[in-house]
Amino acid sequence: MNMSNKLGLWIDHKKAVIVSITETGEKIKEILSEVETQPRRSGGSPMKSDYEAIQVPADDRHQKTLTQDLNIYYDWF
């Protein structure tokens, strides 16, 4: 029986899963993007107030950094 090689790829902003099936068996490889989608707070533990969203300023710098990081990650494939 002659089996052809098959390859499957699933990718999103968190990870990629590559599945290959060959005559010798199957392999599954998972690659984590390590792209941080939420900005980290500087300092110690998060505040326990109702206004926690105010602690992280909303600006385009975070979105630009996220977009650049994701582009690098997706270009790898």
C-alpha atoms as a PDB file:
ATOM      1  CA  MET A   1       0.000   0.000   0.000  1.00  0.00           C
ATOM      2  CA  ASN A   2       1.445   3.350  -1.042  1.00  0.00           C
ATOM      3  CA  MET A   3       0.588   6.221   1.268  1.00  0.00           C
ATOM      4  CA  SER A   4       1.348   9.793   0.265  1.00  0.00           C
ATOM      5  CA  ASN A   5       2.643  12.299   2.789  1.00  0.00           C
ATOM      6  CA  LYS A   6       0.049  14.626   4.291  1.00  0.00           C
ATOM      7  CA  LEU A   7       0.499  17.846   6.221  1.00  0.00           C
ATOM      8  CA  GLY A   8      -1.975  19.851   8.279  1.00  0.00           C
ATOM      9  CA  LEU A   9      -1.532  23.301   9.809  1.00  0.00           C
ATOM     10  CA  TRP A  10      -3.694  25.130  12.315  1.00  0.00           C
ATOM     11  CA  ILE A  11      -2.572  28.591  13.392  1.00  0.00           C
ATOM     12  CA  ASP A  12      -3.879  31.466  15.466  1.00  0.00           C
ATOM     13  CA  HIS A  13      -2.326  34.262  17.541  1.00  0.00           C
ATOM     14  CA  LYS A  14      -1.550  31.929  20.465  1.00  0.00           C
ATOM     15  CA  LYS A  15      -0.059  28.857  18.815  1.00  0.00           C
ATOM     16  CA  ALA A  16       0.428  26.809  15.678  1.00  0.00           C
ATOM     17  CA  VAL A  17      -0.099  23.073  15.403  1.00  0.00           C
ATOM     18  CA  ILE A  18       1.609  21.199  12.568  1.00  0.00           C
ATOM     19  CA  VAL A  19       0.556  17.614  11.889  1.00  0.00           C
ATOM     20  CA  SER A  20       2.460  15.450   9.410  1.00  0.00           C
ATOM     21  CA  ILE A  21       1.517  11.935   8.372  1.00  0.00           C
ATOM     22  CA  THR A  22       4.067   9.860   6.501  1.00  0.00           C
ATOM     23  CA  GLU A  23       4.679   6.201   5.814  1.00  0.00           C
ATOM     24  CA  THR A  24       6.742   6.029   9.007  1.00  0.00           C
ATOM     25  CA  GLY A  25       4.035   7.480  11.252  1.00  0.00           C
ATOM     26  CA  GLU A  26       2.581  10.755  12.380  1.00  0.00           C
ATOM     27  CA  LYS A  27       4.139  13.739  14.131  1.00  0.00           C
ATOM     28  CA  ILE A  28       2.468  16.633  15.900  1.00  0.00           C
ATOM     29  CA  LYS A  29       4.438  19.790  16.619  1.00  0.00           C
ATOM     30  CA  GLU A  30       3.076  22.709  18.620  1.00  0.00           C
ATOM     31  CA  ILE A  31       4.682  26.143  18.394  1.00  0.00           C
ATOM     32  CA  LEU A  32       3.684  28.814  20.912  1.00  0.00           C
ATOM     33  CA  SER A  33       3.666  32.378  19.614  1.00  0.00           C
ATOM     34  CA  GLU A  34       4.727  34.009  22.908  1.00  0.00           C
ATOM     35  CA  VAL A  35       2.987  37.166  21.663  1.00  0.00           C
ATOM     36  CA  GLU A  36       1.488  39.008  24.597  1.00  0.00           C
ATOM     37  CA  THR A  37      -2.001  40.294  23.816  1.00  0.00           C
ATOM     38  CA  GLN A  38      -2.593  42.117  27.112  1.00  0.00           C
ATOM     39  CA  PRO A  39      -0.204  44.789  28.387  1.00  0.00           C
ATOM     40  CA  ARG A  40       1.521  43.976  31.652  1.00  0.00           C
ATOM     41  CA  ARG A  41       1.344  46.329  34.582  1.00  0.00           C
ATOM     42  CA  SER A  42       4.546  47.619  36.036  1.00  0.00           C
ATOM     43  CA  GLY A  43       5.134  47.021  39.717  1.00  0.00           C
ATOM     44  CA  GLY A  44       3.863  44.357  42.068  1.00  0.00           C
ATOM     45  CA  SER A  45       0.418  42.867  42.435  1.00  0.00           C
ATOM     46  CA  PRO A  46      -2.634  44.281  40.646  1.00  0.00           C
ATOM     47  CA  MET A  47      -4.726  46.824  42.477  1.00  0.00           C
ATOM     48  CA  LYS A  48      -7.945  45.647  44.074  1.00  0.00           C
ATOM     49  CA  SER A  49     -10.099  48.596  43.005  1.00  0.00           C
ATOM     50  CA  ASP A  50     -13.157  48.835  40.774  1.00  0.00           C
ATOM     51  CA  TYR A  51     -11.165  51.061  38.415  1.00  0.00           C
ATOM     52  CA  GLU A  52      -8.468  48.596  37.419  1.00  0.00           C
ATOM     53  CA  ALA A  53      -8.910  49.351  33.681  1.00  0.00           C
ATOM     54  CA  ILE A  54      -7.647  52.883  34.276  1.00  0.00           C
ATOM     55  CA  GLN A  55      -4.243  51.514  35.346  1.00  0.00           C
ATOM     56  CA  VAL A  56      -3.343  50.526  31.773  1.00  0.00           C
ATOM     57  CA  PRO A  57      -3.456  53.548  29.474  1.00  0.00           C
ATOM     58  CA  ALA A  58      -5.222  53.033  26.154  1.00  0.00           C
ATOM     59  CA  ASP A  59      -3.027  54.112  23.260  1.00  0.00           C
ATOM     60  CA  ASP A  60      -1.857  52.917  19.864  1.00  0.00           C
ATOM     61  CA  ARG A  61       1.609  51.889  21.063  1.00  0.00           C
ATOM     62  CA  HIS A  62       0.384  48.586  22.469  1.00  0.00           C
ATOM     63  CA  GLN A  63      -1.629  47.785  19.338  1.00  0.00           C
ATOM     64  CA  LYS A  64       1.318  48.624  17.054  1.00  0.00           C
ATOM     65  CA  THR A  65       3.642  46.435  19.116  1.00  0.00           C
ATOM     66  CA  LEU A  66       1.123  43.587  19.097  1.00  0.00           C
ATOM     67  CA  THR A  67       0.677  43.877  15.322  1.00  0.00           C
ATOM     68  CA  GLN A  68       4.446  43.852  14.740  1.00  0.00           C
ATOM     69  CA  ASP A  69       4.924  40.818  16.994  1.00  0.00           C
ATOM     70  CA  LEU A  70       2.108  38.906  15.288  1.00  0.00           C
ATOM     71  CA  ASN A  71       3.488  39.745  11.836  1.00  0.00           C
ATOM     72  CA  ILE A  72       6.868  38.307  12.809  1.00  0.00           C
ATOM     73  CA  TYR A  73       5.185  35.184  14.197  1.00  0.00           C
ATOM     74  CA  TYR A  74       2.995  34.635  11.116  1.00  0.00           C
ATOM     75  CA  ASP A  75       5.894  35.290   8.711  1.00  0.00           C
ATOM     76  CA  TRP A  76       7.713  32.338  10.288  1.00  0.00           C
ATOM     77  CA  PHE A  77       5.229  30.069   8.525  1.00  0.00           C
END
